[in-house]
C-alpha atoms as a PDB file:
ATOM      1  CA  MET A   1     -13.514  -0.629 -36.643  1.00  0.00           C
ATOM      2  CA  GLN A   2     -17.332  -0.480 -36.870  1.00  0.00           C
ATOM      3  CA  GLU A   3     -17.614  -3.928 -35.478  1.00  0.00           C
ATOM      4  CA  LEU A   4     -16.424  -2.685 -32.086  1.00  0.00           C
ATOM      5  CA  LEU A   5     -19.649  -0.549 -31.676  1.00  0.00           C
ATOM      6  CA  HIS A   6     -21.654  -3.544 -30.615  1.00  0.00           C
ATOM      7  CA  VAL A   7     -19.323  -5.505 -28.612  1.00  0.00           C
ATOM      8  CA  GLN A   8     -18.963  -5.520 -24.881  1.00  0.00           C
ATOM      9  CA  ALA A   9     -16.580  -2.748 -23.464  1.00  0.00           C
ATOM     10  CA  THR A  10     -13.262  -4.041 -22.475  1.00  0.00           C
ATOM     11  CA  PRO A  11     -12.209  -3.017 -18.946  1.00  0.00           C
ATOM     12  CA  VAL A  12      -8.910  -0.865 -18.842  1.00  0.00           C
ATOM     13  CA  TYR A  13      -7.149  -0.605 -15.603  1.00  0.00           C
ATOM     14  CA  ILE A  14      -4.140   1.892 -15.189  1.00  0.00           C
ATOM     15  CA  LEU A  15      -1.424   1.288 -12.803  1.00  0.00           C
ATOM     16  CA  SER A  16       0.455   4.302 -11.662  1.00  0.00           C
ATOM     17  CA  GLY A  17       3.010   5.008  -9.104  1.00  0.00           C
ATOM     18  CA  PHE A  18       6.672   6.173  -8.795  1.00  0.00           C
ATOM     19  CA  LEU A  19       9.774   4.028  -9.683  1.00  0.00           C
ATOM     20  CA  GLY A  20      10.256   1.240  -7.190  1.00  0.00           C
ATOM     21  CA  SER A  21       7.078   1.647  -5.423  1.00  0.00           C
ATOM     22  CA  GLY A  22       5.892  -1.734  -6.161  1.00  0.00           C
ATOM     23  CA  LYS A  23       3.789  -1.578  -9.155  1.00  0.00           C
ATOM     24  CA  THR A  24       5.049  -4.752 -10.833  1.00  0.00           C
ATOM     25  CA  THR A  25       4.551  -6.635  -7.533  1.00  0.00           C
ATOM     26  CA  LEU A  26       0.777  -5.429  -7.400  1.00  0.00           C
ATOM     27  CA  LEU A  27       0.589  -6.336 -11.010  1.00  0.00           C
ATOM     28  CA  GLY A  28       1.428 -10.080 -10.426  1.00  0.00           C
ATOM     29  CA  LYS A  29      -1.118 -10.183  -7.591  1.00  0.00           C
ATOM     30  CA  LEU A  30      -3.856  -8.833  -9.998  1.00  0.00           C
ATOM     31  CA  LEU A  31      -3.011 -11.081 -12.827  1.00  0.00           C
ATOM     32  CA  SER A  32      -3.260 -14.202 -10.621  1.00  0.00           C
ATOM     33  CA  TYR A  33      -6.419 -12.783  -9.010  1.00  0.00           C
ATOM     34  CA  TRP A  34      -8.129 -12.267 -12.535  1.00  0.00           C
ATOM     35  CA  LYS A  35      -6.692 -15.693 -13.834  1.00  0.00           C
ATOM     36  CA  ASN A  36      -8.230 -17.576 -10.822  1.00  0.00           C
ATOM     37  CA  GLN A  37     -11.639 -16.216 -11.630  1.00  0.00           C
ATOM     38  CA  GLY A  38     -11.355 -17.650 -15.209  1.00  0.00           C
ATOM     39  CA  LEU A  39     -10.483 -14.225 -16.940  1.00  0.00           C
ATOM     40  CA  LYS A  40      -8.162 -13.660 -19.606  1.00  0.00           C
ATOM     41  CA  PRO A  41      -6.101 -10.438 -18.727  1.00  0.00           C
ATOM     42  CA  ALA A  42      -3.831  -8.641 -21.142  1.00  0.00           C
ATOM     43  CA  VAL A  43      -0.950  -6.139 -20.158  1.00  0.00           C
ATOM     44  CA  ILE A  44       0.501  -3.000 -21.823  1.00  0.00           C
ATOM     45  CA  MET A  45       3.735  -2.146 -20.118  1.00  0.00           C
ATOM     46  CA  ASN A  46       5.624   1.124 -20.748  1.00  0.00           C
ATOM     47  CA  GLU A  47       9.377   1.622 -20.028  1.00  0.00           C
ATOM     48  CA  ILE A  48      11.478   4.556 -20.743  1.00  0.00           C
ATOM     49  CA  GLY A  49      14.519   2.192 -21.180  1.00  0.00           C
ATOM     50  CA  GLU A  50      15.339   0.158 -24.297  1.00  0.00           C
ATOM     51  CA  VAL A  51      14.486  -3.123 -22.312  1.00  0.00           C
ATOM     52  CA  ASN A  52      11.269  -4.004 -20.509  1.00  0.00           C
ATOM     53  CA  LEU A  53      12.566  -6.257 -17.799  1.00  0.00           C
ATOM     54  CA  ASP A  54       9.390  -5.983 -15.700  1.00  0.00           C
ATOM     55  CA  GLY A  55       7.603  -7.840 -18.440  1.00  0.00           C
ATOM     56  CA  LEU A  56       9.365 -10.765 -17.339  1.00  0.00           C
ATOM     57  CA  ALA A  57       7.250 -11.073 -14.245  1.00  0.00           C
ATOM     58  CA  VAL A  58       3.975 -11.359 -16.333  1.00  0.00           C
ATOM     59  CA  GLY A  59       4.491 -14.832 -17.544  1.00  0.00           C
ATOM     60  CA  PRO A  60       3.870 -16.426 -21.026  1.00  0.00           C
ATOM     61  CA  ASP A  61       0.271 -17.284 -20.602  1.00  0.00           C
ATOM     62  CA  VAL A  62      -0.775 -13.407 -20.511  1.00  0.00           C
ATOM     63  CA  PRO A  63      -0.922 -11.661 -23.717  1.00  0.00           C
ATOM     64  CA  MET A  64       1.337  -8.506 -23.532  1.00  0.00           C
ATOM     65  CA  ALA A  65       2.389  -5.462 -25.617  1.00  0.00           C
ATOM     66  CA  GLU A  66       5.547  -3.567 -24.813  1.00  0.00           C
ATOM     67  CA  MET A  67       6.206   0.141 -25.534  1.00  0.00           C
ATOM     68  CA  LEU A  68       9.946   0.834 -24.809  1.00  0.00           C
ATOM     69  CA  ASP A  69      12.052   3.901 -24.908  1.00  0.00           C
ATOM     70  CA  GLY A  70       9.276   6.315 -24.729  1.00  0.00           C
ATOM     71  CA  CYS A  71       6.350   7.472 -22.616  1.00  0.00           C
ATOM     72  CA  ILE A  72       2.644   7.091 -23.123  1.00  0.00           C
ATOM     73  CA  CYS A  73       2.166  10.676 -22.411  1.00  0.00           C
ATOM     74  CA  CYS A  74       4.076  12.252 -25.507  1.00  0.00           C
ATOM     75  CA  SER A  75       4.679  11.120 -29.059  1.00  0.00           C
ATOM     76  CA  ILE A  76       4.111   7.516 -28.156  1.00  0.00           C
ATOM     77  CA  ARG A  77       0.377   8.285 -27.414  1.00  0.00           C
ATOM     78  CA  ALA A  78      -0.820   7.225 -30.782  1.00  0.00           C
ATOM     79  CA  ASP A  79       1.038   3.926 -30.555  1.00  0.00           C
ATOM     80  CA  LEU A  80      -0.785   3.110 -27.413  1.00  0.00           C
ATOM     81  CA  SER A  81      -3.819   3.477 -29.177  1.00  0.00           C
ATOM     82  CA  MET A  82      -2.833   1.038 -31.858  1.00  0.00           C
ATOM     83  CA  GLU A  83      -1.423  -1.411 -29.085  1.00  0.00           C
ATOM     84  CA  LEU A  84      -4.743  -1.236 -27.244  1.00  0.00           C
ATOM     85  CA  TYR A  85      -6.510  -1.998 -30.607  1.00  0.00           C
ATOM     86  CA  GLU A  86      -4.358  -4.725 -31.670  1.00  0.00           C
ATOM     87  CA  LEU A  87      -4.196  -6.467 -28.568  1.00  0.00           C
ATOM     88  CA  ILE A  88      -8.020  -6.432 -27.963  1.00  0.00           C
ATOM     89  CA  GLN A  89      -8.603  -7.376 -31.676  1.00  0.00           C
ATOM     90  CA  ASN A  90      -6.092 -10.089 -31.740  1.00  0.00           C
ATOM     91  CA  GLU A  91      -6.281 -11.474 -28.213  1.00  0.00           C
ATOM     92  CA  ARG A  92      -9.961 -10.957 -27.132  1.00  0.00           C
ATOM     93  CA  PRO A  93      -8.785 -10.350 -23.582  1.00  0.00           C
ATOM     94  CA  ASP A  94     -11.435  -9.983 -20.872  1.00  0.00           C
ATOM     95  CA  LEU A  95      -9.681  -6.927 -19.490  1.00  0.00           C
ATOM     96  CA  VAL A  96      -6.437  -4.746 -20.063  1.00  0.00           C
ATOM     97  CA  ILE A  97      -4.072  -3.325 -17.417  1.00  0.00           C
ATOM     98  CA  ILE A  98      -1.639  -0.693 -18.369  1.00  0.00           C
ATOM     99  CA  GLU A  99       1.462  -0.492 -16.273  1.00  0.00           C
ATOM    100  CA  ALA A 100       2.908   2.930 -16.983  1.00  0.00           C
ATOM    101  CA  THR A 101       6.624   3.980 -16.411  1.00  0.00           C
ATOM    102  CA  GLY A 102       7.130   5.475 -12.933  1.00  0.00           C
ATOM    103  CA  ALA A 103       8.115   8.710 -14.781  1.00  0.00           C
ATOM    104  CA  ALA A 104       4.768   9.440 -16.418  1.00  0.00           C
ATOM    105  CA  ASN A 105       2.401  12.024 -15.539  1.00  0.00           C
ATOM    106  CA  PRO A 106      -0.917  10.294 -14.687  1.00  0.00           C
ATOM    107  CA  MET A 107      -3.345  12.730 -16.462  1.00  0.00           C
ATOM    108  CA  GLU A 108      -1.526  12.260 -19.701  1.00  0.00           C
ATOM    109  CA  ILE A 109      -1.984   8.610 -19.443  1.00  0.00           C
ATOM    110  CA  PHE A 110      -5.728   9.036 -18.846  1.00  0.00           C
ATOM    111  CA  ASP A 111      -5.643  11.112 -21.956  1.00  0.00           C
ATOM    112  CA  ALA A 112      -3.889   8.588 -24.072  1.00  0.00           C
ATOM    113  CA  VAL A 113      -6.370   5.614 -23.084  1.00  0.00           C
ATOM    114  CA  THR A 114      -9.318   7.969 -23.822  1.00  0.00           C
ATOM    115  CA  GLU A 115      -8.015   9.038 -27.185  1.00  0.00           C
ATOM    116  CA  ALA A 116      -7.976   5.178 -27.761  1.00  0.00           C
ATOM    117  CA  SER A 117     -11.595   4.899 -26.562  1.00  0.00           C
ATOM    118  CA  LEU A 118     -12.695   6.991 -29.652  1.00  0.00           C
ATOM    119  CA  TYR A 119     -12.728   4.001 -31.742  1.00  0.00           C
ATOM    120  CA  LEU A 120     -12.498   1.201 -29.158  1.00  0.00           C
ATOM    121  CA  LYS A 121     -15.363   0.313 -26.738  1.00  0.00           C
ATOM    122  CA  LEU A 122     -13.567   0.564 -23.272  1.00  0.00           C
ATOM    123  CA  ASP A 123     -14.574   0.760 -19.577  1.00  0.00           C
ATOM    124  CA  ILE A 124     -11.741   2.716 -18.311  1.00  0.00           C
ATOM    125  CA  LYS A 125     -11.568   1.961 -14.569  1.00  0.00           C
ATOM    126  CA  PRO A 126     -10.342   4.407 -11.712  1.00  0.00           C
ATOM    127  CA  MET A 127      -6.464   4.839 -11.579  1.00  0.00           C
ATOM    128  CA  ILE A 128      -4.531   2.699  -9.037  1.00  0.00           C
ATOM    129  CA  THR A 129      -1.418   4.709  -7.513  1.00  0.00           C
ATOM    130  CA  VAL A 130       1.147   2.602  -5.675  1.00  0.00           C
ATOM    131  CA  VAL A 131       2.934   4.852  -3.180  1.00  0.00           C
ATOM    132  CA  ASP A 132       6.296   4.164  -1.660  1.00  0.00           C
ATOM    133  CA  THR A 133       5.153   5.563   1.769  1.00  0.00           C
ATOM    134  CA  ALA A 134       8.666   5.784   3.223  1.00  0.00           C
ATOM    135  CA  TYR A 135      10.159   7.559   0.417  1.00  0.00           C
ATOM    136  CA  PHE A 136       6.871   9.665  -0.158  1.00  0.00           C
ATOM    137  CA  SER A 137       7.253  10.875   3.581  1.00  0.00           C
ATOM    138  CA  GLU A 138      10.938  11.579   3.033  1.00  0.00           C
ATOM    139  CA  LEU A 139      10.046  13.710  -0.141  1.00  0.00           C
ATOM    140  CA  TYR A 140       7.396  15.578   1.416  1.00  0.00           C
ATOM    141  CA  ALA A 141       9.513  16.511   4.360  1.00  0.00           C
ATOM    142  CA  SER A 142      11.755  18.366   2.003  1.00  0.00           C
ATOM    143  CA  GLN A 143       8.821  19.622  -0.388  1.00  0.00           C
ATOM    144  CA  GLN A 144      11.107  20.330  -3.184  1.00  0.00           C
ATOM    145  CA  GLY A 145      12.500  18.930  -6.328  1.00  0.00           C
ATOM    146  CA  LYS A 146      10.959  17.526  -9.613  1.00  0.00           C
ATOM    147  CA  THR A 147      10.644  13.995  -8.239  1.00  0.00           C
ATOM    148  CA  TYR A 148       8.449  15.438  -5.342  1.00  0.00           C
ATOM    149  CA  ARG A 149       6.198  17.201  -7.598  1.00  0.00           C
ATOM    150  CA  LEU A 150       5.742  14.228  -9.998  1.00  0.00           C
ATOM    151  CA  MET A 151       4.980  12.011  -7.025  1.00  0.00           C
ATOM    152  CA  MET A 152       2.450  14.562  -5.914  1.00  0.00           C
ATOM    153  CA  GLU A 153       0.734  14.503  -9.253  1.00  0.00           C
ATOM    154  CA  GLN A 154       0.450  10.747  -9.169  1.00  0.00           C
ATOM    155  CA  ILE A 155      -1.006  10.751  -5.659  1.00  0.00           C
ATOM    156  CA  ARG A 156      -3.601  13.573  -6.609  1.00  0.00           C
ATOM    157  CA  CYS A 157      -4.644  11.657  -9.720  1.00  0.00           C
ATOM    158  CA  GLY A 158      -5.329   8.251  -8.243  1.00  0.00           C
ATOM    159  CA  SER A 159      -8.636   7.135  -7.173  1.00  0.00           C
ATOM    160  CA  VAL A 160      -7.142   4.248  -5.160  1.00  0.00           C
ATOM    161  CA  LEU A 161      -3.974   4.693  -3.270  1.00  0.00           C
ATOM    162  CA  VAL A 162      -2.015   1.874  -2.031  1.00  0.00           C
ATOM    163  CA  MET A 163       0.347   2.963   0.854  1.00  0.00           C
ATOM    164  CA  ASN A 164       3.037   0.314   0.258  1.00  0.00           C
ATOM    165  CA  LYS A 165       6.217  -0.421   2.217  1.00  0.00           C
ATOM    166  CA  LEU A 166       4.511   0.516   5.434  1.00  0.00           C
ATOM    167  CA  ASP A 167       6.968  -1.834   7.344  1.00  0.00           C
ATOM    168  CA  ARG A 168       9.501   0.768   6.954  1.00  0.00           C
ATOM    169  CA  LEU A 169       7.826   3.332   9.206  1.00  0.00           C
ATOM    170  CA  ASN A 170       6.694   3.292  12.807  1.00  0.00           C
ATOM    171  CA  ALA A 171       3.376   3.776  13.988  1.00  0.00           C
ATOM    172  CA  GLU A 172       3.496   7.458  14.251  1.00  0.00           C
ATOM    173  CA  GLN A 173       5.099   7.855  10.889  1.00  0.00           C
ATOM    174  CA  GLN A 174       2.329   5.737   9.306  1.00  0.00           C
ATOM    175  CA  LYS A 175      -0.299   7.929  10.934  1.00  0.00           C
ATOM    176  CA  GLU A 176       1.403  10.954   9.560  1.00  0.00           C
ATOM    177  CA  ALA A 177       1.677   9.624   6.015  1.00  0.00           C
ATOM    178  CA  ARG A 178      -1.949   8.522   5.734  1.00  0.00           C
ATOM    179  CA  GLU A 179      -3.142  11.963   7.046  1.00  0.00           C
ATOM    180  CA  LEU A 180      -0.888  13.595   4.277  1.00  0.00           C
ATOM    181  CA  LEU A 181      -2.399  11.302   1.734  1.00  0.00           C
ATOM    182  CA  MET A 182      -5.841  12.322   2.734  1.00  0.00           C
ATOM    183  CA  LYS A 183      -4.970  15.959   2.724  1.00  0.00           C
ATOM    184  CA  LEU A 184      -3.499  15.732  -0.938  1.00  0.00           C
ATOM    185  CA  ASN A 185      -6.274  13.464  -2.175  1.00  0.00           C
ATOM    186  CA  PRO A 186      -9.277  13.373   0.092  1.00  0.00           C
ATOM    187  CA  HIS A 187     -11.507  11.618  -2.562  1.00  0.00           C
ATOM    188  CA  ALA A 188      -9.011   8.668  -2.989  1.00  0.00           C
ATOM    189  CA  LYS A 189      -9.703   5.276  -1.330  1.00  0.00           C
ATOM    190  CA  ILE A 190      -6.650   4.260   0.601  1.00  0.00           C
ATOM    191  CA  PHE A 191      -5.271   0.879   1.266  1.00  0.00           C
ATOM    192  CA  GLU A 192      -2.481   0.225   3.702  1.00  0.00           C
ATOM    193  CA  ALA A 193      -0.089  -2.597   2.719  1.00  0.00           C
ATOM    194  CA  VAL A 194       3.378  -4.310   2.901  1.00  0.00           C
ATOM    195  CA  ARG A 195       4.670  -5.853  -0.389  1.00  0.00           C
ATOM    196  CA  CYS A 196       1.386  -4.740  -1.903  1.00  0.00           C
ATOM    197  CA  ASN A 197      -0.916  -7.245  -0.022  1.00  0.00           C
ATOM    198  CA  VAL A 198      -4.259  -5.776  -0.085  1.00  0.00           C
ATOM    199  CA  ASN A 199      -7.768  -7.010  -0.558  1.00  0.00           C
ATOM    200  CA  LEU A 200      -8.016  -7.235  -4.110  1.00  0.00           C
ATOM    201  CA  ASP A 201     -11.974  -7.603  -3.997  1.00  0.00           C
ATOM    202  CA  GLU A 202     -11.985  -4.108  -2.306  1.00  0.00           C
ATOM    203  CA  LEU A 203      -9.256  -2.685  -4.223  1.00  0.00           C
ATOM    204  CA  LEU A 204     -11.079  -3.232  -7.621  1.00  0.00           C
ATOM    205  CA  THR A 205     -14.474  -2.162  -6.315  1.00  0.00           C
ATOM    206  CA  ASN A 206     -14.567   1.624  -6.892  1.00  0.00           C
ATOM    207  CA  ARG A 207     -16.164   4.289  -9.076  1.00  0.00           C
ATOM    208  CA  THR A 208     -15.559   4.713 -12.583  1.00  0.00           C
ATOM    209  CA  VAL A 209     -13.661   7.431 -14.178  1.00  0.00           C
ATOM    210  CA  GLY A 210     -16.664   9.347 -15.472  1.00  0.00           C
ATOM    211  CA  GLU A 211     -17.949   9.935 -11.972  1.00  0.00           C
ATOM    212  CA  PRO A 212     -17.221  13.439 -10.016  1.00  0.00           C
ATOM    213  CA  HIS A 213     -13.990  12.210  -8.548  1.00  0.00           C
ATOM    214  CA  ALA A 214     -11.992  12.305 -11.854  1.00  0.00           C
ATOM    215  CA  SER A 215     -13.875  15.244 -13.523  1.00  0.00           C
ATOM    216  CA  ASP A 216     -12.849  17.294 -10.139  1.00  0.00           C
ATOM    217  CA  HIS A 217      -9.383  16.919 -10.988  1.00  0.00           C
ATOM    218  CA  HIS A 218     -10.051  18.250 -14.348  1.00  0.00           C
ATOM    219  CA  GLN A 219     -11.881  21.308 -13.151  1.00  0.00           C
ATOM    220  CA  HIS A 220      -9.511  22.217 -10.526  1.00  0.00           C
ATOM    221  CA  GLY A 221      -6.299  21.837 -12.413  1.00  0.00           C
ATOM    222  CA  LYS A 222      -4.830  19.463 -10.120  1.00  0.00           C
ATOM    223  CA  CYS A 223      -3.918  16.774 -12.853  1.00  0.00           C
ATOM    224  CA  GLY A 224      -3.037  19.303 -15.671  1.00  0.00           C
ATOM    225  CA  HIS A 225      -1.577  18.078 -19.122  1.00  0.00           C
ATOM    226  CA  GLU A 226       2.066  19.193 -18.386  1.00  0.00           C
ATOM    227  CA  HIS A 227       5.134  17.220 -17.705  1.00  0.00           C
ATOM    228  CA  PRO A 228       6.695  16.934 -14.289  1.00  0.00           C
ATOM    229  CA  HIS A 229       9.018  19.864 -15.227  1.00  0.00           C
ATOM    230  CA  GLY A 230       6.107  22.137 -16.013  1.00  0.00           C
ATOM    231  CA  GLU A 231       6.636  22.238 -19.941  1.00  0.00           C
ATOM    232  CA  HIS A 232       4.552  20.678 -22.584  1.00  0.00           C
ATOM    233  CA  CYS A 233       6.585  18.382 -25.030  1.00  0.00           C
ATOM    234  CA  ASN A 234       6.588  19.372 -28.634  1.00  0.00           C
ATOM    235  CA  HIS A 235       9.924  17.636 -29.487  1.00  0.00           C
ATOM    236  CA  PRO A 236       9.458  15.788 -32.818  1.00  0.00           C
ATOM    237  CA  ASP A 237      12.148  13.163 -31.636  1.00  0.00           C
ATOM    238  CA  HIS A 238      10.682  12.861 -28.036  1.00  0.00           C
ATOM    239  CA  HIS A 239      10.073   9.060 -28.074  1.00  0.00           C
ATOM    240  CA  HIS A 240      13.654   8.301 -29.489  1.00  0.00           C
ATOM    241  CA  THR A 241      15.555   9.597 -26.517  1.00  0.00           C
ATOM    242  CA  HIS A 242      16.104   8.510 -22.951  1.00  0.00           C
ATOM    243  CA  HIS A 243      15.621  12.235 -21.787  1.00  0.00           C
ATOM    244  CA  SER A 244      11.926  11.703 -22.067  1.00  0.00           C
ATOM    245  CA  HIS A 245      11.411  13.790 -18.940  1.00  0.00           C
ATOM    246  CA  SER A 246      14.375  16.132 -18.388  1.00  0.00           C
ATOM    247  CA  HIS A 247      14.710  15.242 -14.663  1.00  0.00           C
ATOM    248  CA  VAL A 248      14.847  11.499 -15.399  1.00  0.00           C
ATOM    249  CA  THR A 249      17.907   9.797 -16.873  1.00  0.00           C
ATOM    250  CA  VAL A 250      18.067   6.217 -18.019  1.00  0.00           C
ATOM    251  CA  TYR A 251      21.182   4.349 -18.860  1.00  0.00           C
ATOM    252  CA  THR A 252      20.977   0.726 -20.321  1.00  0.00           C
ATOM    253  CA  HIS A 253      24.049  -1.481 -20.360  1.00  0.00           C
ATOM    254  CA  TYR A 254      24.328  -4.926 -22.236  1.00  0.00           C
ATOM    255  CA  PHE A 255      26.899  -7.236 -20.818  1.00  0.00           C
ATOM    256  CA  LYS A 256      29.492  -8.849 -23.001  1.00  0.00           C
ATOM    257  CA  ALA A 257      30.319 -11.517 -20.404  1.00  0.00           C
ATOM    258  CA  ALA A 258      29.425 -12.926 -16.932  1.00  0.00           C
ATOM    259  CA  VAL A 259      30.573 -10.786 -14.157  1.00  0.00           C
ATOM    260  CA  ASN A 260      31.765 -11.746 -10.738  1.00  0.00           C
ATOM    261  CA  SER A 261      28.923 -11.353  -8.111  1.00  0.00           C
ATOM    262  CA  VAL A 262      30.991  -9.956  -5.355  1.00  0.00           C
ATOM    263  CA  GLN A 263      32.189  -7.162  -7.714  1.00  0.00           C
ATOM    264  CA  PHE A 264      28.929  -6.534  -9.122  1.00  0.00           C
ATOM    265  CA  GLU A 265      27.332  -6.022  -5.558  1.00  0.00           C
ATOM    266  CA  ARG A 266      30.114  -3.961  -4.552  1.00  0.00           C
ATOM    267  CA  PHE A 267      29.515  -1.718  -7.609  1.00  0.00           C
ATOM    268  CA  MET A 268      25.840  -1.536  -6.673  1.00  0.00           C
ATOM    269  CA  LYS A 269      26.498  -0.554  -3.087  1.00  0.00           C
ATOM    270  CA  GLU A 270      28.644   2.252  -4.327  1.00  0.00           C
ATOM    271  CA  LEU A 271      26.064   3.768  -6.956  1.00  0.00           C
ATOM    272  CA  PRO A 272      25.537   7.468  -6.908  1.00  0.00           C
ATOM    273  CA  ARG A 273      22.617   8.741  -4.729  1.00  0.00           C
ATOM    274  CA  GLU A 274      21.272  10.051  -8.065  1.00  0.00           C
ATOM    275  CA  VAL A 275      20.431   6.697  -9.298  1.00  0.00           C
ATOM    276  CA  TYR A 276      17.056   5.690  -7.493  1.00  0.00           C
ATOM    277  CA  ARG A 277      16.078   2.609  -9.569  1.00  0.00           C
ATOM    278  CA  ALA A 278      17.996  -0.240 -11.309  1.00  0.00           C
ATOM    279  CA  LYS A 279      17.045  -3.481 -12.535  1.00  0.00           C
ATOM    280  CA  GLY A 280      18.409  -6.054 -15.107  1.00  0.00           C
ATOM    281  CA  ILE A 281      19.252  -9.945 -15.737  1.00  0.00           C
ATOM    282  CA  LEU A 282      22.772 -11.085 -15.664  1.00  0.00           C
ATOM    283  CA  HIS A 283      25.135 -14.334 -15.317  1.00  0.00           C
ATOM    284  CA  PHE A 284      27.569 -14.329 -12.666  1.00  0.00           C
ATOM    285  CA  SER A 285      30.818 -15.919 -13.231  1.00  0.00           C
ATOM    286  CA  ASP A 286      30.962 -17.613  -9.825  1.00  0.00           C
ATOM    287  CA  THR A 287      27.783 -19.417 -10.142  1.00  0.00           C
ATOM    288  CA  SER A 288      25.721 -21.295 -12.804  1.00  0.00           C
ATOM    289  CA  SER A 289      22.471 -19.517 -12.216  1.00  0.00           C
ATOM    290  CA  ARG A 290      20.899 -16.577 -13.825  1.00  0.00           C
ATOM    291  CA  PHE A 291      19.579 -13.643 -11.761  1.00  0.00           C
ATOM    292  CA  LEU A 292      16.960 -11.011 -11.859  1.00  0.00           C
ATOM    293  CA  PHE A 293      18.089  -8.000  -9.756  1.00  0.00           C
ATOM    294  CA  GLN A 294      16.274  -5.068  -8.485  1.00  0.00           C
ATOM    295  CA  TYR A 295      17.477  -1.961  -6.867  1.00  0.00           C
ATOM    296  CA  ALA A 296      15.550   0.891  -5.331  1.00  0.00           C
ATOM    297  CA  TYR A 297      16.751   3.457  -2.881  1.00  0.00           C
ATOM    298  CA  ARG A 298      19.899   2.122  -1.836  1.00  0.00           C
ATOM    299  CA  GLU A 299      18.660  -1.303  -1.380  1.00  0.00           C
ATOM    300  CA  SER A 300      19.446  -4.399  -3.783  1.00  0.00           C
ATOM    301  CA  ASP A 301      17.519  -7.677  -4.301  1.00  0.00           C
ATOM    302  CA  TYR A 302      18.632 -10.812  -6.309  1.00  0.00           C
ATOM    303  CA  LEU A 303      16.200 -13.509  -7.444  1.00  0.00           C
ATOM    304  CA  LYS A 304      17.408 -16.606  -9.266  1.00  0.00           C
ATOM    305  CA  ILE A 305      15.212 -16.981 -12.607  1.00  0.00           C
ATOM    306  CA  THR A 306      14.929 -18.950 -15.818  1.00  0.00           C
ATOM    307  CA  PRO A 307      13.866 -16.274 -18.542  1.00  0.00           C
ATOM    308  CA  GLN A 308      11.535 -17.328 -21.304  1.00  0.00           C
ATOM    309  CA  GLY A 309      13.106 -16.810 -24.706  1.00  0.00           C
ATOM    310  CA  GLN A 310      16.524 -14.977 -25.924  1.00  0.00           C
ATOM    311  CA  VAL A 311      16.955 -12.567 -23.138  1.00  0.00           C
ATOM    312  CA  PRO A 312      20.238 -10.749 -23.103  1.00  0.00           C
ATOM    313  CA  ASP A 313      22.265 -10.005 -20.044  1.00  0.00           C
ATOM    314  CA  VAL A 314      21.383  -6.217 -19.406  1.00  0.00           C
ATOM    315  CA  ALA A 315      21.113  -3.562 -16.727  1.00  0.00           C
ATOM    316  CA  VAL A 316      18.782  -0.544 -16.643  1.00  0.00           C
ATOM    317  CA  PHE A 317      19.573   2.469 -14.260  1.00  0.00           C
ATOM    318  CA  ILE A 318      17.066   5.252 -13.790  1.00  0.00           C
ATOM    319  CA  GLY A 319      17.640   8.306 -11.772  1.00  0.00           C
ATOM    320  CA  GLU A 320      18.083  12.125 -11.847  1.00  0.00           C
ATOM    321  CA  HIS A 321      21.086  13.764 -13.719  1.00  0.00           C
ATOM    322  CA  PHE A 322      23.399  10.989 -12.707  1.00  0.00           C
ATOM    323  CA  ASP A 323      26.777  10.476 -14.442  1.00  0.00           C
ATOM    324  CA  GLN A 324      26.107   7.834 -17.155  1.00  0.00           C
ATOM    325  CA  GLU A 325      29.937   7.633 -18.078  1.00  0.00           C
ATOM    326  CA  LEU A 326      31.036   6.906 -14.514  1.00  0.00           C
ATOM    327  CA  ILE A 327      28.539   3.811 -14.588  1.00  0.00           C
ATOM    328  CA  ARG A 328      29.434   2.563 -17.944  1.00  0.00           C
ATOM    329  CA  ALA A 329      33.227   2.742 -17.234  1.00  0.00           C
ATOM    330  CA  ALA A 330      32.642   0.664 -14.103  1.00  0.00           C
ATOM    331  CA  LEU A 331      30.489  -1.963 -15.908  1.00  0.00           C
ATOM    332  CA  GLU A 332      32.750  -2.342 -18.654  1.00  0.00           C
ATOM    333  CA  GLN A 333      35.640  -2.979 -16.244  1.00  0.00           C
ATOM    334  CA  LEU A 334      33.610  -5.715 -14.792  1.00  0.00           C
ATOM    335  CA  ASP A 335      32.868  -7.032 -18.461  1.00  0.00           C
ATOM    336  CA  GLN A 336      36.484  -7.023 -19.279  1.00  0.00           C
ATOM    337  CA  GLU A 337      37.531  -8.759 -16.088  1.00  0.00           C
ATOM    338  CA  GLY A 338      34.731 -11.414 -16.741  1.00  0.00           C
ATOM    339  CA  ALA A 339      35.841 -11.754 -20.383  1.00  0.00           C
ATOM    340  CA  GLU A 340      39.519 -12.420 -19.109  1.00  0.00           C
ATOM    341  CA  ILE A 341      38.380 -15.214 -16.678  1.00  0.00           C
ATOM    342  CA  LYS A 342      36.278 -16.895 -19.437  1.00  0.00           C
ATOM    343  CA  HIS A 343      39.398 -16.689 -21.889  1.00  0.00           C
ATOM    344  CA  ALA A 344      41.744 -18.004 -19.181  1.00  0.00           C
ATOM    345  CA  GLU A 345      39.214 -21.201 -18.763  1.00  0.00           C
END
């Protein structure tokens, strides 16, 4: 690795934010922005499920490393260093952007990247945190629960805050949300957005991690090296389980047959409130197209797609302590009905 000492430092951007906040939307805009400048970006995506569906939005022309079924902030940290090294050595990108799972403690992500910088020449950029402003306001009103504490950590650790989904709040609520963010993180640069539409030139013009803003967080303990539930992780098999953070539950379901779209949409509407994020790719038996679906905070969205390569029909559900067996049974019932229809044909 000695040859890295004399090469130009590779910029590394870290994209943080809670599940469903709009990180992948912003990622897509950033990739287009950099490519239009003639740059070659690369992506590291971290998911706590078995399948990285967000990676499908990156496109085949962008080098990408996937880190699945674990989180950057724990046992998988050494893997991040190796992924960064191999990605930079093999692909020679002009920059790397890391999209972390929404369940990750942001300072732990910084630690993982700085660990890689011990033998990689990296220019670690300020953390960009995407905030689901409507959900943030709702959580702040209650000021309780592990999800609330995690979101507060992500906000406090961001050098750039993107107040996303502002169209869901009225003018007074928007003003209150901005004041709250300024109170929680007076050092951050704040951008207001709908669907993450922001001035990317301004977004990317900020201070580096080594300047006082980031070190202030270290000194005052606002972004300590703890997990959202306040405990350090020393479990040897941590990266092999879906319960990588005790308050976050992940269930992955692989479909055996095409399912009826009406029945599936009804199933999604009846999901328990403890499920706050879901996404997947599936065939519907009543249409010839394939769809990517997204679900966040009681709202679903379906997009017709043509996936690259061999991508199975799969759905991933993320939430807090929800009944996985209930979801599994309902999906297996849809599976069985889909298989029966196919057999009858």
